[in-house]
Amino acid sequence: MLPIADRWFETRKVSDDITLLWEPHVVPLMRCNIWHVRGRDRDLMIDTGMGVASLREAARHLFDKKVTAVATHTHTDHVGNHHEFEHTLVHELEADELRSPCDRGTLLASVMGAAEIAKLAKAGYPFDGDLITALPSAGYDMASYRLRDAAVTEIVTEGDVVDIGNRSFEVLHLPGHSPGSIGLWEAKTGTLFSGDAIYDGPLLDEIDGADIPTYVHTMKRLRALPVEVVHAGHDPSFGRARLVELCDAYLAKRT
């Protein structure tokens, strides 16, 4: 029997207008970084976690205006709570997946199967047991978990601009991990929200929808980007020197 979590989300303020949220009781493989970016005219919630517990309720203290839930891509761990938001943003190649997911996900290792678990362990994500280590509430049934349909209200592609009033971000199409992976790039500050295109951990490029040659092209593009800080989809944020190291390591492995 798993313990009951005191709270499902942890929160850390990164700057005056950026807050990081995460789910400590989700195994590292699926523990996405959820970024709240406060703007003058609207806020961004970049990715929304697994959807095991309500993000909207947990983060209600952050919301004082319209919020756009951004999908850096539509894997289960990044869009689980998108259905809670009236306004969403997603790349055109993954809009249908956000509206009606083909993969509804699971929390149960028994459903994933031994072969899939072994494949993930080989890629750098070993885990023993199910995908959560506590329950969000008494009586929660892990078998009932499923990714829910979400509204799609803003479809973007390469070069589009996401304007929140006092800040604006250029949409970078960064495929490889998934067909419609995007990053949000603010050239003025050198800030990149990269989703799973790059993060400081084992990158997954042999899963469904991934493509290694495309990922190589994305890595070359990222390496040339004059970033100051990368706020990624998993693991800690990092600067340009680490970005170059990560890109070079991937390129050495795959080219």
Protein backbone atom coordinates (compact mmCIF):
# COMPACT_ATOMS: atom_id res chain seq x y z
CA MET A 1 0.00 0.00 0.00
CA LEU A 2 1.43 3.36 -1.03
CA PRO A 3 1.45 6.27 1.44
CA ILE A 4 -0.83 9.28 0.99
CA ALA A 5 1.04 12.41 -0.11
CA ASP A 6 0.78 15.50 2.08
CA ARG A 7 0.72 17.52 -1.14
CA TRP A 8 1.19 16.49 -4.73
CA PHE A 9 3.14 19.42 -6.17
CA GLU A 10 6.26 21.18 -4.95
CA THR A 11 6.96 24.77 -5.96
CA ARG A 12 10.08 26.92 -6.21
CA LYS A 13 10.29 30.53 -7.34
CA VAL A 14 13.12 30.86 -9.88
CA SER A 15 12.80 34.61 -10.51
CA ASP A 16 10.26 37.38 -10.07
CA ASP A 17 8.17 36.01 -12.94
CA ILE A 18 9.16 32.34 -13.27
CA THR A 19 8.03 29.58 -10.91
CA LEU A 20 8.93 25.90 -11.19
CA LEU A 21 6.44 23.24 -10.12
CA TRP A 22 7.04 19.48 -10.07
CA GLU A 23 5.53 16.21 -8.82
CA PRO A 24 7.93 14.64 -6.29
CA HIS A 25 5.92 11.41 -6.03
CA VAL A 26 6.24 10.69 -9.75
CA VAL A 27 9.27 8.59 -10.77
CA PRO A 28 12.08 10.56 -12.51
CA LEU A 29 11.21 9.14 -15.93
CA MET A 30 7.84 10.94 -15.84
CA ARG A 31 8.61 13.84 -13.49
CA CYS A 32 8.21 16.81 -15.79
CA ASN A 33 9.21 20.39 -15.02
CA ILE A 34 6.15 22.63 -15.04
CA TRP A 35 7.01 26.28 -15.64
CA HIS A 36 4.72 29.16 -14.71
CA VAL A 37 5.75 32.37 -16.47
CA ARG A 38 3.99 35.52 -15.30
CA GLY A 39 3.23 38.13 -17.95
CA ARG A 40 1.57 41.52 -17.94
CA ASP A 41 -1.36 40.46 -20.12
CA ARG A 42 -1.44 36.68 -19.69
CA ASP A 43 0.55 33.95 -17.99
CA LEU A 44 2.03 30.78 -19.42
CA MET A 45 1.94 27.35 -17.85
CA ILE A 46 4.58 25.52 -19.87
CA ASP A 47 3.61 21.83 -19.61
CA THR A 48 1.24 20.54 -16.96
CA GLY A 49 2.54 17.25 -15.57
CA MET A 50 0.89 13.86 -15.33
CA GLY A 51 -2.67 14.78 -14.43
CA VAL A 52 -2.73 12.61 -11.31
CA ALA A 53 -3.90 15.58 -9.20
CA SER A 54 -5.26 19.01 -10.09
CA LEU A 55 -2.57 21.47 -11.14
CA ARG A 56 -5.10 24.27 -11.41
CA GLU A 57 -6.02 23.84 -7.76
CA ALA A 58 -2.43 23.47 -6.53
CA ALA A 59 -1.26 26.55 -8.44
CA ARG A 60 -4.31 28.74 -7.88
CA HIS A 61 -2.22 31.23 -5.89
CA LEU A 62 -0.22 31.93 -9.07
CA PHE A 63 -3.19 32.77 -11.27
CA ASP A 64 -4.54 36.31 -11.39
CA LYS A 65 -5.19 36.57 -15.12
CA LYS A 66 -5.72 34.49 -18.25
CA VAL A 67 -3.41 31.47 -18.44
CA THR A 68 -2.24 29.65 -21.56
CA ALA A 69 -1.23 26.01 -21.05
CA VAL A 70 1.65 25.38 -23.46
CA ALA A 71 2.37 21.85 -24.67
CA THR A 72 6.06 21.61 -25.54
CA HIS A 73 4.94 18.21 -26.88
CA THR A 74 2.10 15.83 -26.09
CA HIS A 75 3.72 12.99 -24.16
CA THR A 76 1.69 11.94 -21.15
CA ASP A 77 3.97 13.49 -18.53
CA HIS A 78 3.71 16.95 -20.12
CA VAL A 79 -0.01 17.38 -20.87
CA GLY A 80 -1.82 15.53 -18.09
CA ASN A 81 -3.54 18.65 -16.78
CA HIS A 82 -4.08 20.54 -20.03
CA HIS A 83 -7.77 19.68 -19.84
CA GLU A 84 -8.04 22.02 -16.83
CA PHE A 85 -7.22 25.11 -18.93
CA GLU A 86 -9.52 27.01 -21.27
CA HIS A 87 -6.66 28.25 -23.46
CA THR A 88 -3.96 25.90 -24.75
CA LEU A 89 -1.08 26.12 -27.20
CA VAL A 90 0.45 23.27 -29.20
CA HIS A 91 2.42 22.70 -32.41
CA GLU A 92 0.34 21.91 -35.47
CA LEU A 93 1.83 18.39 -35.77
CA GLU A 94 0.58 17.36 -32.32
CA ALA A 95 -2.69 19.30 -32.06
CA ASP A 96 -4.82 16.23 -32.78
CA GLU A 97 -2.97 14.26 -30.11
CA LEU A 98 -3.79 16.92 -27.51
CA ARG A 99 -7.45 16.95 -28.55
CA SER A 100 -7.79 13.18 -28.40
CA PRO A 101 -4.72 11.26 -27.18
CA CYS A 102 -3.98 7.95 -28.86
CA ASP A 103 -1.87 6.97 -25.83
CA ARG A 104 -3.94 7.45 -22.68
CA GLY A 105 -1.04 6.40 -20.47
CA THR A 106 -0.82 4.26 -17.36
CA LEU A 107 0.66 4.40 -13.88
CA LEU A 108 1.02 0.63 -13.61
CA ALA A 109 4.23 -1.23 -14.39
CA SER A 110 2.18 -4.33 -15.06
CA VAL A 111 0.42 -2.54 -17.93
CA MET A 112 3.67 -1.15 -19.34
CA GLY A 113 5.17 -4.62 -19.48
CA ALA A 114 8.63 -5.98 -18.76
CA ALA A 115 9.99 -5.32 -22.26
CA GLU A 116 9.13 -1.60 -22.17
CA ILE A 117 10.51 -1.22 -18.65
CA ALA A 118 13.75 -2.92 -19.69
CA LYS A 119 14.02 -0.62 -22.72
CA LEU A 120 13.63 2.47 -20.53
CA ALA A 121 16.15 1.15 -18.01
CA LYS A 122 18.66 0.64 -20.80
CA ALA A 123 18.05 4.24 -21.91
CA GLY A 124 18.94 5.49 -18.43
CA TYR A 125 15.68 5.35 -16.48
CA PRO A 126 15.57 2.28 -14.25
CA PHE A 127 12.65 2.06 -11.86
CA ASP A 128 11.25 -0.62 -9.61
CA GLY A 129 7.48 -0.58 -9.30
CA ASP A 130 4.76 1.69 -10.60
CA LEU A 131 5.13 5.25 -11.87
CA ILE A 132 4.08 6.95 -8.66
CA THR A 133 5.47 6.41 -5.16
CA ALA A 134 2.52 7.83 -3.20
CA LEU A 135 -1.20 8.39 -3.73
CA PRO A 136 -2.67 11.88 -4.14
CA SER A 137 -5.60 10.99 -1.87
CA ALA A 138 -7.06 8.10 0.08
CA GLY A 139 -8.84 5.66 -2.16
CA TYR A 140 -7.15 6.83 -5.36
CA ASP A 141 -7.30 4.02 -7.93
CA MET A 142 -4.14 3.94 -10.04
CA ALA A 143 -5.84 1.66 -12.57
CA SER A 144 -8.35 4.42 -13.36
CA TYR A 145 -5.69 6.86 -14.53
CA ARG A 146 -6.03 8.06 -18.11
CA LEU A 147 -4.94 11.08 -20.11
CA ARG A 148 -7.95 13.25 -20.85
CA ASP A 149 -8.93 15.15 -23.99
CA ALA A 150 -7.98 18.83 -23.94
CA ALA A 151 -9.22 21.80 -25.92
CA VAL A 152 -6.89 23.18 -28.58
CA THR A 153 -7.24 26.94 -28.89
CA GLU A 154 -3.89 28.09 -30.32
CA ILE A 155 -1.92 26.14 -32.91
CA VAL A 156 1.64 27.28 -33.61
CA THR A 157 4.53 26.47 -35.88
CA GLU A 158 8.12 27.61 -36.41
CA GLY A 159 8.59 31.36 -36.06
CA ASP A 160 5.29 32.20 -34.39
CA VAL A 161 5.48 34.61 -31.47
CA VAL A 162 3.89 34.09 -28.06
CA ASP A 163 3.36 37.55 -26.59
CA ILE A 164 2.43 37.88 -22.90
CA GLY A 165 2.64 41.65 -22.76
CA ASN A 166 5.97 42.44 -21.21
CA ARG A 167 7.73 39.40 -22.69
CA SER A 168 7.54 37.63 -26.01
CA PHE A 169 8.84 34.24 -27.06
CA GLU A 170 9.59 32.88 -30.51
CA VAL A 171 8.37 29.36 -31.20
CA LEU A 172 11.22 27.06 -32.27
CA HIS A 173 10.22 23.77 -33.87
CA LEU A 174 12.64 21.27 -32.32
CA PRO A 175 11.62 17.79 -33.53
CA GLY A 176 13.44 14.56 -32.83
CA HIS A 177 12.09 13.52 -29.45
CA SER A 178 8.62 13.93 -30.93
CA PRO A 179 7.38 15.33 -34.27
CA GLY A 180 5.88 18.50 -32.82
CA SER A 181 8.32 19.32 -30.04
CA ILE A 182 8.73 23.05 -29.56
CA GLY A 183 10.83 25.43 -27.53
CA LEU A 184 10.01 28.99 -26.49
CA TRP A 185 12.94 31.32 -27.14
CA GLU A 186 13.35 34.84 -25.77
CA ALA A 187 16.32 36.29 -27.63
CA LYS A 188 16.41 39.46 -25.54
CA THR A 189 17.28 37.55 -22.37
CA GLY A 190 18.78 34.42 -23.93
CA THR A 191 16.10 32.29 -22.22
CA LEU A 192 14.98 28.99 -23.73
CA PHE A 193 12.16 26.80 -22.46
CA SER A 194 13.21 23.64 -24.28
CA GLY A 195 10.70 20.96 -23.31
CA ASP A 196 12.25 17.56 -23.98
CA ALA A 197 14.26 18.67 -27.00
CA ILE A 198 17.15 18.92 -24.58
CA TYR A 199 17.57 18.48 -20.84
CA ASP A 200 20.39 17.48 -18.52
CA GLY A 201 19.60 13.78 -18.37
CA PRO A 202 19.30 10.70 -20.62
CA LEU A 203 17.56 11.79 -23.82
CA LEU A 204 14.98 9.46 -25.32
CA ASP A 205 15.29 9.13 -29.08
CA GLU A 206 14.18 5.53 -29.66
CA ILE A 207 10.60 5.84 -28.44
CA ASP A 208 7.49 5.99 -30.61
CA GLY A 209 7.48 9.18 -32.67
CA ALA A 210 11.19 9.90 -32.18
CA ASP A 211 13.60 10.20 -35.10
CA ILE A 212 17.37 10.22 -34.63
CA PRO A 213 18.42 11.98 -37.88
CA THR A 214 15.90 14.73 -37.15
CA TYR A 215 17.15 14.95 -33.58
CA VAL A 216 20.71 15.39 -34.85
CA HIS A 217 19.58 18.40 -36.88
CA THR A 218 17.82 19.86 -33.83
CA MET A 219 20.94 19.38 -31.70
CA LYS A 220 23.06 21.26 -34.21
CA ARG A 221 20.54 24.08 -34.16
CA LEU A 222 20.45 24.20 -30.37
CA ARG A 223 24.23 24.21 -30.14
CA ALA A 224 24.37 27.42 -32.18
CA LEU A 225 21.73 29.20 -30.10
CA PRO A 226 23.18 32.03 -27.95
CA VAL A 227 21.42 30.96 -24.77
CA GLU A 228 22.01 32.28 -21.28
CA VAL A 229 19.75 29.77 -19.54
CA VAL A 230 17.79 26.68 -20.55
CA HIS A 231 14.70 25.82 -18.53
CA ALA A 232 14.13 22.25 -19.67
CA GLY A 233 11.36 19.68 -19.51
CA HIS A 234 13.22 17.60 -16.90
CA ASP A 235 16.13 17.99 -14.51
CA PRO A 236 17.88 21.24 -13.47
CA SER A 237 18.21 24.38 -15.58
CA PHE A 238 21.62 25.06 -17.14
CA GLY A 239 23.61 27.62 -19.10
CA ARG A 240 25.28 27.78 -22.49
CA ALA A 241 28.44 25.86 -21.53
CA ARG A 242 26.37 22.88 -20.40
CA LEU A 243 24.15 23.17 -23.46
CA VAL A 244 27.19 22.81 -25.71
CA GLU A 245 28.41 19.79 -23.71
CA LEU A 246 25.05 18.08 -23.96
CA CYS A 247 24.74 18.75 -27.69
CA ASP A 248 28.29 17.58 -28.37
CA ALA A 249 27.73 14.39 -26.39
CA TYR A 250 24.57 13.61 -28.35
CA LEU A 251 26.20 14.37 -31.70
CA ALA A 252 29.23 12.22 -30.83
CA LYS A 253 26.89 9.35 -30.01
CA ARG A 254 24.63 9.63 -33.03
CA THR A 255 26.86 10.85 -35.88
